[in-house]
Amino acid sequence: MSDYLIAANTLRTSKIVDVTTESPTVKTFTFIDKQCINAKPGQFLMLWIPGIDEIPLSILDVTKNGKVSVAVKAVGKATQHLHTMERGATVGIRGPFGNSFTQTHENVLLIGGGTGTAPLLFLSKALQLQSNIKLKKLTFIVGARTKSELLFIDQLNRVCQKNGKLIPTTNDGTYGQQGLVTDPLIDLLEQEKFDVIYTCGPEIMVKKIFEITQTYKQPLQASLERLMRCGIGLCGSCVIGKYRVCKDGPIFNSAQLDEVKNELGISKLNLDGSRTHQ
C-alpha cells in the first residue's frame, strides 16, 4: 500500500463547521480535513457517523484552508442520523479515494441527477479555473423530480454565467424543462459534438445516458455510485463486472462502461453479497 493511500485511509476526526439545507431531503455538511485539501473532482471520502455507520460520499467542494463539503440525502439510518447532527458534532473521515474526472477539454457537457450534481458542480468550478486548457463552452443539464429537489441552482447559474448554459429539468414541469435529463441530451447531441460528456446520478440514469452517447458516438465519463464498505478495494461490495468501483473508479469511461453494460443499471450486490435487481 502506497504512503498516500496509507495516509488517506487513516481515520481522522473533525467537527462539523457548517450545515446548509439544500432541499427537503438534502443537506450540505462542511468540516475541516487537511488530507482532502488536494482532492480532485470525482473523488470520494468515507464519512464515519459515530455509533451508526460509515458511508461513501462524493466530494462537493474543498478550499485552500482545508474546508471540505459533502451533499447528503437522507435515505437510510446513517444519513438520517447525520441530518440530525449540527455544528460542533464530531465525524470521522477517510479519503480522498478513487480516480477523478479528466480536465483537458474545451467544449464539455455535464449531466447531473439528484446528489450526483455535487461532484459535477465541483468539476465545473475546476474546469473554469484550469490554466493549461481554455474552457470555451460548458453546458450543464441538471434534473430532479420537482422544483424543490433541484440542487445548487444558484451556484450553477453563477458557474454557467460566463461561457456556459444551464438546462434545468423537472419530471413534473415545476421548473425548467418538463421531463428527464435525457430529453434535452438527445436534442443537444443532434446539434453538436462535445469533447466529453460527464455524468453522475442514479445508475439507471447513467445507463440511459451511456446508451444515448453510444448511439451518437460521443465520449462519456460517468461517476458510479455503489455500495461501499472499505473504500480501498478490499471488501468487494462495490464490484461491477471486473471492476471495483472504489478502487478502479468511481469514474469510468465509455469503453469501461461497455464492458459492464450487462450489469449497469440492472443488478448490484447487497450487504450480504447476494445480487439483486435495481
C-alpha atoms as a PDB file:
ATOM      1  CA  MET A   1       0.000   0.000   0.000  1.00  0.00           C
ATOM      2  CA  SER A   2       1.421   3.402  -1.011  1.00  0.00           C
ATOM      3  CA  ASP A   3       2.231   6.099   1.542  1.00  0.00           C
ATOM      4  CA  TYR A   4      -0.522   8.224   0.010  1.00  0.00           C
ATOM      5  CA  LEU A   5      -3.146   5.517   0.432  1.00  0.00           C
ATOM      6  CA  ILE A   6      -1.981   4.792   3.984  1.00  0.00           C
ATOM      7  CA  ALA A   7      -2.403   8.466   4.854  1.00  0.00           C
ATOM      8  CA  ALA A   8      -5.747   8.708   3.078  1.00  0.00           C
ATOM      9  CA  ASN A   9      -7.037   5.560   4.750  1.00  0.00           C
ATOM     10  CA  THR A  10      -6.106   6.750   8.251  1.00  0.00           C
ATOM     11  CA  LEU A  11      -9.259   7.770  10.128  1.00  0.00           C
ATOM     12  CA  ARG A  12      -9.295  11.398  11.242  1.00  0.00           C
ATOM     13  CA  THR A  13     -11.943  13.083  13.361  1.00  0.00           C
ATOM     14  CA  SER A  14     -13.268  16.569  12.755  1.00  0.00           C
ATOM     15  CA  LYS A  15     -16.026  18.891  13.872  1.00  0.00           C
ATOM     16  CA  ILE A  16     -18.853  19.907  11.578  1.00  0.00           C
ATOM     17  CA  VAL A  17     -18.400  23.637  10.951  1.00  0.00           C
ATOM     18  CA  ASP A  18     -21.451  24.296   8.812  1.00  0.00           C
ATOM     19  CA  VAL A  19     -24.753  22.677   7.821  1.00  0.00           C
ATOM     20  CA  THR A  20     -26.802  24.015   4.895  1.00  0.00           C
ATOM     21  CA  THR A  21     -30.263  22.801   3.909  1.00  0.00           C
ATOM     22  CA  GLU A  22     -30.341  22.398   0.122  1.00  0.00           C
ATOM     23  CA  SER A  23     -33.753  20.737  -0.301  1.00  0.00           C
ATOM     24  CA  PRO A  24     -36.363  18.928   1.814  1.00  0.00           C
ATOM     25  CA  THR A  25     -34.155  15.806   1.742  1.00  0.00           C
ATOM     26  CA  VAL A  26     -30.598  17.068   1.145  1.00  0.00           C
ATOM     27  CA  LYS A  27     -28.150  18.927   3.405  1.00  0.00           C
ATOM     28  CA  THR A  28     -24.566  20.021   2.815  1.00  0.00           C
ATOM     29  CA  PHE A  29     -22.123  19.318   5.639  1.00  0.00           C
ATOM     30  CA  THR A  30     -18.781  21.122   5.900  1.00  0.00           C
ATOM     31  CA  PHE A  31     -15.823  20.173   8.089  1.00  0.00           C
ATOM     32  CA  ILE A  32     -12.058  20.688   8.217  1.00  0.00           C
ATOM     33  CA  ASP A  33      -9.734  17.990   6.862  1.00  0.00           C
ATOM     34  CA  LYS A  34      -6.218  18.783   5.642  1.00  0.00           C
ATOM     35  CA  GLN A  35      -5.813  15.391   3.935  1.00  0.00           C
ATOM     36  CA  CYS A  36      -8.608  16.250   1.489  1.00  0.00           C
ATOM     37  CA  ILE A  37      -7.192  19.648   0.563  1.00  0.00           C
ATOM     38  CA  ASN A  38      -5.881  18.311  -2.767  1.00  0.00           C
ATOM     39  CA  ALA A  39      -8.934  16.185  -3.586  1.00  0.00           C
ATOM     40  CA  LYS A  40      -9.940  16.246  -7.243  1.00  0.00           C
ATOM     41  CA  PRO A  41     -13.444  16.366  -8.767  1.00  0.00           C
ATOM     42  CA  GLY A  42     -14.904  12.874  -8.861  1.00  0.00           C
ATOM     43  CA  GLN A  43     -13.088  11.532  -5.813  1.00  0.00           C
ATOM     44  CA  PHE A  44     -14.992  10.458  -2.702  1.00  0.00           C
ATOM     45  CA  LEU A  45     -14.466  10.098   1.018  1.00  0.00           C
ATOM     46  CA  MET A  46     -15.760   7.742   3.683  1.00  0.00           C
ATOM     47  CA  LEU A  47     -17.650   9.601   6.400  1.00  0.00           C
ATOM     48  CA  TRP A  48     -17.962   7.912   9.791  1.00  0.00           C
ATOM     49  CA  ILE A  49     -21.015   8.774  11.860  1.00  0.00           C
ATOM     50  CA  PRO A  50     -20.020   7.718  15.405  1.00  0.00           C
ATOM     51  CA  GLY A  51     -22.072   4.842  16.757  1.00  0.00           C
ATOM     52  CA  ILE A  52     -24.002   4.443  13.498  1.00  0.00           C
ATOM     53  CA  ASP A  53     -22.063   3.613  10.319  1.00  0.00           C
ATOM     54  CA  GLU A  54     -19.538   4.767   7.721  1.00  0.00           C
ATOM     55  CA  ILE A  55     -20.785   5.880   4.308  1.00  0.00           C
ATOM     56  CA  PRO A  56     -19.189   6.901   0.972  1.00  0.00           C
ATOM     57  CA  LEU A  57     -19.862  10.444  -0.239  1.00  0.00           C
ATOM     58  CA  SER A  58     -18.747  12.327  -3.338  1.00  0.00           C
ATOM     59  CA  ILE A  59     -16.809  15.478  -2.540  1.00  0.00           C
ATOM     60  CA  LEU A  60     -18.752  18.647  -3.317  1.00  0.00           C
ATOM     61  CA  ASP A  61     -16.007  21.179  -2.667  1.00  0.00           C
ATOM     62  CA  VAL A  62     -12.657  21.776  -0.980  1.00  0.00           C
ATOM     63  CA  THR A  63     -10.970  25.062  -0.087  1.00  0.00           C
ATOM     64  CA  LYS A  64      -7.326  26.001   0.385  1.00  0.00           C
ATOM     65  CA  ASN A  65      -7.815  26.261   4.146  1.00  0.00           C
ATOM     66  CA  GLY A  66      -8.975  22.641   4.359  1.00  0.00           C
ATOM     67  CA  LYS A  67     -12.747  23.014   4.391  1.00  0.00           C
ATOM     68  CA  VAL A  68     -14.445  20.009   2.794  1.00  0.00           C
ATOM     69  CA  SER A  69     -18.130  19.805   1.842  1.00  0.00           C
ATOM     70  CA  VAL A  70     -20.381  16.875   1.019  1.00  0.00           C
ATOM     71  CA  ALA A  71     -24.045  16.821  -0.016  1.00  0.00           C
ATOM     72  CA  VAL A  72     -26.075  14.153   1.775  1.00  0.00           C
ATOM     73  CA  LYS A  73     -29.574  12.889   1.034  1.00  0.00           C
ATOM     74  CA  ALA A  74     -31.461  11.338   3.952  1.00  0.00           C
ATOM     75  CA  VAL A  75     -32.255   7.857   2.637  1.00  0.00           C
ATOM     76  CA  GLY A  76     -31.247   5.390   5.370  1.00  0.00           C
ATOM     77  CA  LYS A  77     -30.339   5.059   9.040  1.00  0.00           C
ATOM     78  CA  ALA A  78     -26.873   6.609   8.742  1.00  0.00           C
ATOM     79  CA  THR A  79     -27.842   9.552   6.543  1.00  0.00           C
ATOM     80  CA  GLN A  80     -30.999  10.219   8.534  1.00  0.00           C
ATOM     81  CA  HIS A  81     -28.945  10.352  11.737  1.00  0.00           C
ATOM     82  CA  LEU A  82     -26.397  12.627  10.066  1.00  0.00           C
ATOM     83  CA  HIS A  83     -29.221  15.009   9.167  1.00  0.00           C
ATOM     84  CA  THR A  84     -29.927  15.454  12.901  1.00  0.00           C
ATOM     85  CA  MET A  85     -26.311  16.472  13.617  1.00  0.00           C
ATOM     86  CA  GLU A  86     -25.423  20.141  13.967  1.00  0.00           C
ATOM     87  CA  ARG A  87     -22.367  22.380  14.015  1.00  0.00           C
ATOM     88  CA  GLY A  88     -19.804  21.160  16.513  1.00  0.00           C
ATOM     89  CA  ALA A  89     -20.718  17.493  16.194  1.00  0.00           C
ATOM     90  CA  THR A  90     -17.868  15.049  15.580  1.00  0.00           C
ATOM     91  CA  VAL A  91     -17.492  12.948  12.439  1.00  0.00           C
ATOM     92  CA  GLY A  92     -14.715  10.726  11.120  1.00  0.00           C
ATOM     93  CA  ILE A  93     -13.132  10.977   7.676  1.00  0.00           C
ATOM     94  CA  ARG A  94     -11.111   8.647   5.458  1.00  0.00           C
ATOM     95  CA  GLY A  95     -10.023   9.560   1.966  1.00  0.00           C
ATOM     96  CA  PRO A  96      -9.949  11.028  -0.578  1.00  0.00           C
ATOM     97  CA  PHE A  97     -10.244   7.824  -2.591  1.00  0.00           C
ATOM     98  CA  GLY A  98     -10.674   6.816  -6.221  1.00  0.00           C
ATOM     99  CA  ASN A  99      -9.834   8.407  -9.538  1.00  0.00           C
ATOM    100  CA  SER A 100     -11.147  11.701 -10.898  1.00  0.00           C
ATOM    101  CA  PHE A 101     -12.672  13.286 -13.994  1.00  0.00           C
ATOM    102  CA  THR A 102     -10.205  14.419 -16.675  1.00  0.00           C
ATOM    103  CA  GLN A 103      -9.972  18.166 -17.167  1.00  0.00           C
ATOM    104  CA  THR A 104      -8.403  18.577 -20.598  1.00  0.00           C
ATOM    105  CA  HIS A 105     -11.360  19.596 -22.738  1.00  0.00           C
ATOM    106  CA  GLU A 106     -12.663  22.820 -24.281  1.00  0.00           C
ATOM    107  CA  ASN A 107     -16.340  22.028 -25.006  1.00  0.00           C
ATOM    108  CA  VAL A 108     -17.995  19.957 -22.282  1.00  0.00           C
ATOM    109  CA  LEU A 109     -21.440  18.759 -21.265  1.00  0.00           C
ATOM    110  CA  LEU A 110     -22.289  17.827 -17.674  1.00  0.00           C
ATOM    111  CA  ILE A 111     -25.430  15.923 -16.664  1.00  0.00           C
ATOM    112  CA  GLY A 112     -26.378  15.625 -13.009  1.00  0.00           C
ATOM    113  CA  GLY A 113     -29.271  13.926 -11.273  1.00  0.00           C
ATOM    114  CA  GLY A 114     -30.016  14.357  -7.565  1.00  0.00           C
ATOM    115  CA  THR A 115     -26.925  14.459  -5.320  1.00  0.00           C
ATOM    116  CA  GLY A 116     -24.960  13.333  -8.362  1.00  0.00           C
ATOM    117  CA  THR A 117     -24.905  17.039  -9.185  1.00  0.00           C
ATOM    118  CA  ALA A 118     -22.424  17.585  -6.314  1.00  0.00           C
ATOM    119  CA  PRO A 119     -19.214  16.218  -7.896  1.00  0.00           C
ATOM    120  CA  LEU A 120     -20.170  17.808 -11.219  1.00  0.00           C
ATOM    121  CA  LEU A 121     -20.508  21.229  -9.575  1.00  0.00           C
ATOM    122  CA  PHE A 122     -17.028  20.674  -8.106  1.00  0.00           C
ATOM    123  CA  LEU A 123     -15.807  19.710 -11.591  1.00  0.00           C
ATOM    124  CA  SER A 124     -17.409  22.684 -13.326  1.00  0.00           C
ATOM    125  CA  LYS A 125     -15.644  25.114 -10.970  1.00  0.00           C
ATOM    126  CA  ALA A 126     -12.323  23.347 -11.517  1.00  0.00           C
ATOM    127  CA  LEU A 127     -12.743  23.431 -15.310  1.00  0.00           C
ATOM    128  CA  GLN A 128     -13.181  27.169 -15.254  1.00  0.00           C
ATOM    129  CA  LEU A 129     -10.075  27.648 -13.112  1.00  0.00           C
ATOM    130  CA  GLN A 130      -7.728  25.444 -15.149  1.00  0.00           C
ATOM    131  CA  SER A 131      -4.871  27.315 -16.756  1.00  0.00           C
ATOM    132  CA  ASN A 132      -3.471  24.790 -19.264  1.00  0.00           C
ATOM    133  CA  ILE A 133      -6.695  24.335 -21.251  1.00  0.00           C
ATOM    134  CA  LYS A 134      -9.038  27.207 -22.051  1.00  0.00           C
ATOM    135  CA  LEU A 135     -12.634  26.166 -21.487  1.00  0.00           C
ATOM    136  CA  LYS A 136     -14.654  27.535 -24.393  1.00  0.00           C
ATOM    137  CA  LYS A 137     -18.117  26.214 -23.569  1.00  0.00           C
ATOM    138  CA  LEU A 138     -19.749  24.458 -20.632  1.00  0.00           C
ATOM    139  CA  THR A 139     -23.305  23.097 -20.858  1.00  0.00           C
ATOM    140  CA  PHE A 140     -24.915  21.721 -17.690  1.00  0.00           C
ATOM    141  CA  ILE A 141     -28.139  19.693 -17.553  1.00  0.00           C
ATOM    142  CA  VAL A 142     -29.471  19.212 -14.037  1.00  0.00           C
ATOM    143  CA  GLY A 143     -32.569  17.211 -13.176  1.00  0.00           C
ATOM    144  CA  ALA A 144     -34.914  16.376 -10.320  1.00  0.00           C
ATOM    145  CA  ARG A 145     -38.465  15.203  -9.803  1.00  0.00           C
ATOM    146  CA  THR A 146     -39.744  18.635  -8.773  1.00  0.00           C
ATOM    147  CA  LYS A 147     -38.534  22.211  -8.240  1.00  0.00           C
ATOM    148  CA  SER A 148     -37.878  21.863  -4.504  1.00  0.00           C
ATOM    149  CA  GLU A 149     -35.486  18.940  -5.147  1.00  0.00           C
ATOM    150  CA  LEU A 150     -33.280  20.725  -7.694  1.00  0.00           C
ATOM    151  CA  LEU A 151     -29.855  21.223  -6.119  1.00  0.00           C
ATOM    152  CA  PHE A 152     -27.365  24.104  -6.312  1.00  0.00           C
ATOM    153  CA  ILE A 153     -29.306  26.098  -8.909  1.00  0.00           C
ATOM    154  CA  ASP A 154     -27.886  29.460  -7.759  1.00  0.00           C
ATOM    155  CA  GLN A 155     -24.308  28.136  -7.810  1.00  0.00           C
ATOM    156  CA  LEU A 156     -24.840  26.504 -11.199  1.00  0.00           C
ATOM    157  CA  ASN A 157     -26.216  29.732 -12.623  1.00  0.00           C
ATOM    158  CA  ARG A 158     -23.073  31.528 -11.469  1.00  0.00           C
ATOM    159  CA  VAL A 159     -20.820  28.840 -12.947  1.00  0.00           C
ATOM    160  CA  CYS A 160     -22.644  28.988 -16.285  1.00  0.00           C
ATOM    161  CA  GLN A 161     -22.823  32.784 -16.385  1.00  0.00           C
ATOM    162  CA  LYS A 162     -19.587  33.394 -18.312  1.00  0.00           C
ATOM    163  CA  ASN A 163     -19.252  30.722 -21.003  1.00  0.00           C
ATOM    164  CA  GLY A 164     -21.923  28.207 -20.097  1.00  0.00           C
ATOM    165  CA  LYS A 165     -25.539  27.247 -20.418  1.00  0.00           C
ATOM    166  CA  LEU A 166     -27.702  25.743 -17.679  1.00  0.00           C
ATOM    167  CA  ILE A 167     -30.620  23.490 -18.636  1.00  0.00           C
ATOM    168  CA  PRO A 168     -32.740  22.535 -15.596  1.00  0.00           C
ATOM    169  CA  THR A 169     -35.339  19.782 -15.923  1.00  0.00           C
ATOM    170  CA  THR A 170     -38.080  18.532 -13.610  1.00  0.00           C
ATOM    171  CA  ASN A 171     -40.266  15.490 -14.057  1.00  0.00           C
ATOM    172  CA  ASP A 172     -43.395  17.449 -13.170  1.00  0.00           C
ATOM    173  CA  GLY A 173     -42.502  20.642 -15.046  1.00  0.00           C
ATOM    174  CA  THR A 174     -42.459  22.879 -11.950  1.00  0.00           C
ATOM    175  CA  TYR A 175     -39.109  24.360 -13.032  1.00  0.00           C
ATOM    176  CA  GLY A 176     -37.256  24.438 -16.314  1.00  0.00           C
ATOM    177  CA  GLN A 177     -37.986  21.884 -18.997  1.00  0.00           C
ATOM    178  CA  GLN A 178     -40.509  19.170 -18.149  1.00  0.00           C
ATOM    179  CA  GLY A 179     -39.167  15.645 -18.478  1.00  0.00           C
ATOM    180  CA  LEU A 180     -35.992  13.694 -17.771  1.00  0.00           C
ATOM    181  CA  VAL A 181     -32.401  14.889 -18.099  1.00  0.00           C
ATOM    182  CA  THR A 182     -32.063  12.621 -21.114  1.00  0.00           C
ATOM    183  CA  ASP A 183     -34.676  14.606 -23.065  1.00  0.00           C
ATOM    184  CA  PRO A 184     -32.554  17.743 -23.704  1.00  0.00           C
ATOM    185  CA  LEU A 185     -29.490  15.495 -24.090  1.00  0.00           C
ATOM    186  CA  ILE A 186     -30.843  13.978 -27.289  1.00  0.00           C
ATOM    187  CA  ASP A 187     -31.656  17.427 -28.683  1.00  0.00           C
ATOM    188  CA  LEU A 188     -28.139  18.676 -27.884  1.00  0.00           C
ATOM    189  CA  LEU A 189     -26.417  15.685 -29.459  1.00  0.00           C
ATOM    190  CA  GLU A 190     -28.449  16.170 -32.617  1.00  0.00           C
ATOM    191  CA  GLN A 191     -26.922  19.641 -32.904  1.00  0.00           C
ATOM    192  CA  GLU A 192     -23.298  19.472 -31.770  1.00  0.00           C
ATOM    193  CA  LYS A 193     -20.273  17.408 -30.754  1.00  0.00           C
ATOM    194  CA  PHE A 194     -18.736  17.657 -27.304  1.00  0.00           C
ATOM    195  CA  ASP A 195     -15.141  16.893 -26.357  1.00  0.00           C
ATOM    196  CA  VAL A 196     -16.519  14.896 -23.447  1.00  0.00           C
ATOM    197  CA  ILE A 197     -19.768  14.343 -21.562  1.00  0.00           C
ATOM    198  CA  TYR A 198     -19.628  13.942 -17.777  1.00  0.00           C
ATOM    199  CA  THR A 199     -22.427  12.449 -15.714  1.00  0.00           C
ATOM    200  CA  CYS A 200     -23.288  11.388 -12.171  1.00  0.00           C
ATOM    201  CA  GLY A 201     -26.585  10.306 -10.686  1.00  0.00           C
ATOM    202  CA  PRO A 202     -28.770   7.232 -10.227  1.00  0.00           C
ATOM    203  CA  GLU A 203     -27.299   4.272 -12.097  1.00  0.00           C
ATOM    204  CA  ILE A 204     -30.419   3.785 -14.194  1.00  0.00           C
ATOM    205  CA  MET A 205     -29.943   7.387 -15.396  1.00  0.00           C
ATOM    206  CA  VAL A 206     -26.266   6.750 -16.136  1.00  0.00           C
ATOM    207  CA  LYS A 207     -27.206   3.650 -18.135  1.00  0.00           C
ATOM    208  CA  LYS A 208     -29.620   5.618 -20.308  1.00  0.00           C
ATOM    209  CA  ILE A 209     -27.067   8.366 -20.887  1.00  0.00           C
ATOM    210  CA  PHE A 210     -24.443   5.761 -21.794  1.00  0.00           C
ATOM    211  CA  GLU A 211     -26.773   4.207 -24.365  1.00  0.00           C
ATOM    212  CA  ILE A 212     -27.555   7.604 -25.905  1.00  0.00           C
ATOM    213  CA  THR A 213     -23.910   8.674 -26.088  1.00  0.00           C
ATOM    214  CA  GLN A 214     -23.028   5.350 -27.695  1.00  0.00           C
ATOM    215  CA  THR A 215     -25.665   5.957 -30.353  1.00  0.00           C
ATOM    216  CA  TYR A 216     -24.242   9.399 -31.097  1.00  0.00           C
ATOM    217  CA  LYS A 217     -20.624   8.211 -30.726  1.00  0.00           C
ATOM    218  CA  GLN A 218     -19.724  10.810 -28.131  1.00  0.00           C
ATOM    219  CA  PRO A 219     -17.242  10.140 -25.281  1.00  0.00           C
ATOM    220  CA  LEU A 220     -18.595   9.729 -21.771  1.00  0.00           C
ATOM    221  CA  GLN A 221     -17.118   9.789 -18.285  1.00  0.00           C
ATOM    222  CA  ALA A 222     -19.523   8.579 -15.596  1.00  0.00           C
ATOM    223  CA  SER A 223     -19.254   8.503 -11.827  1.00  0.00           C
ATOM    224  CA  LEU A 224     -20.849   5.326 -10.488  1.00  0.00           C
ATOM    225  CA  GLU A 225     -22.455   5.079  -7.058  1.00  0.00           C
ATOM    226  CA  ARG A 226     -22.472   1.596  -5.495  1.00  0.00           C
ATOM    227  CA  LEU A 227     -22.458   0.037  -2.049  1.00  0.00           C
ATOM    228  CA  MET A 228     -19.033   0.651  -0.483  1.00  0.00           C
ATOM    229  CA  ARG A 229     -17.790  -0.670   2.845  1.00  0.00           C
ATOM    230  CA  CYS A 230     -13.994  -0.294   2.775  1.00  0.00           C
ATOM    231  CA  GLY A 231     -13.280   2.320   0.104  1.00  0.00           C
ATOM    232  CA  ILE A 232      -9.905   0.779  -0.806  1.00  0.00           C
ATOM    233  CA  GLY A 233     -10.763  -2.277  -2.906  1.00  0.00           C
ATOM    234  CA  LEU A 234     -10.682  -4.996  -0.250  1.00  0.00           C
ATOM    235  CA  CYS A 235     -14.268  -5.977   0.570  1.00  0.00           C
ATOM    236  CA  GLY A 236     -15.702  -6.353  -2.946  1.00  0.00           C
ATOM    237  CA  SER A 237     -19.096  -4.884  -2.075  1.00  0.00           C
ATOM    238  CA  CYS A 238     -18.917  -2.331  -4.909  1.00  0.00           C
ATOM    239  CA  VAL A 239     -17.941  -4.745  -7.702  1.00  0.00           C
ATOM    240  CA  ILE A 240     -19.410  -4.255 -11.161  1.00  0.00           C
ATOM    241  CA  GLY A 241     -18.090  -6.695 -13.745  1.00  0.00           C
ATOM    242  CA  LYS A 242     -14.316  -6.962 -13.303  1.00  0.00           C
ATOM    243  CA  TYR A 243     -14.092  -3.544 -11.637  1.00  0.00           C
ATOM    244  CA  ARG A 244     -14.126  -2.413  -8.027  1.00  0.00           C
ATOM    245  CA  VAL A 245     -15.854   0.955  -8.125  1.00  0.00           C
ATOM    246  CA  CYS A 246     -13.970   2.321  -5.103  1.00  0.00           C
ATOM    247  CA  LYS A 247     -10.505   1.492  -6.472  1.00  0.00           C
ATOM    248  CA  ASP A 248     -10.861   1.274 -10.262  1.00  0.00           C
ATOM    249  CA  GLY A 249     -13.353   4.156 -10.291  1.00  0.00           C
ATOM    250  CA  PRO A 250     -15.599   5.761  -9.366  1.00  0.00           C
ATOM    251  CA  ILE A 251     -15.064   7.424 -12.763  1.00  0.00           C
ATOM    252  CA  PHE A 252     -15.450   5.116 -15.762  1.00  0.00           C
ATOM    253  CA  ASN A 253     -15.132   5.926 -19.457  1.00  0.00           C
ATOM    254  CA  SER A 254     -17.242   4.715 -22.373  1.00  0.00           C
ATOM    255  CA  ALA A 255     -15.097   1.644 -23.073  1.00  0.00           C
ATOM    256  CA  GLN A 256     -15.243   0.511 -19.444  1.00  0.00           C
ATOM    257  CA  LEU A 257     -18.984   1.101 -19.237  1.00  0.00           C
ATOM    258  CA  ASP A 258     -19.422  -1.003 -22.373  1.00  0.00           C
ATOM    259  CA  GLU A 259     -17.644  -3.861 -20.585  1.00  0.00           C
ATOM    260  CA  VAL A 260     -20.168  -3.785 -17.704  1.00  0.00           C
ATOM    261  CA  LYS A 261     -23.321  -2.885 -19.650  1.00  0.00           C
ATOM    262  CA  ASN A 262     -24.987  -6.173 -18.688  1.00  0.00           C
ATOM    263  CA  GLU A 263     -24.903  -5.096 -15.038  1.00  0.00           C
ATOM    264  CA  LEU A 264     -25.054  -1.316 -15.339  1.00  0.00           C
ATOM    265  CA  GLY A 265     -28.409  -0.111 -14.045  1.00  0.00           C
ATOM    266  CA  ILE A 266     -29.615  -3.720 -13.893  1.00  0.00           C
ATOM    267  CA  SER A 267     -28.097  -5.511 -10.894  1.00  0.00           C
ATOM    268  CA  LYS A 268     -25.934  -4.838  -7.850  1.00  0.00           C
ATOM    269  CA  LEU A 269     -24.643  -6.541  -4.701  1.00  0.00           C
ATOM    270  CA  ASN A 270     -26.357  -6.390  -1.311  1.00  0.00           C
ATOM    271  CA  LEU A 271     -24.633  -6.167   2.083  1.00  0.00           C
ATOM    272  CA  ASP A 272     -24.607  -9.972   2.335  1.00  0.00           C
ATOM    273  CA  GLY A 273     -23.009 -10.349  -1.101  1.00  0.00           C
ATOM    274  CA  SER A 274     -26.154 -11.552  -2.832  1.00  0.00           C
ATOM    275  CA  ARG A 275     -27.141  -9.987  -6.149  1.00  0.00           C
ATOM    276  CA  THR A 276     -30.352  -8.050  -6.622  1.00  0.00           C
ATOM    277  CA  HIS A 277     -32.045  -6.213  -9.471  1.00  0.00           C
ATOM    278  CA  GLN A 278     -32.088  -2.418  -9.302  1.00  0.00           C
END
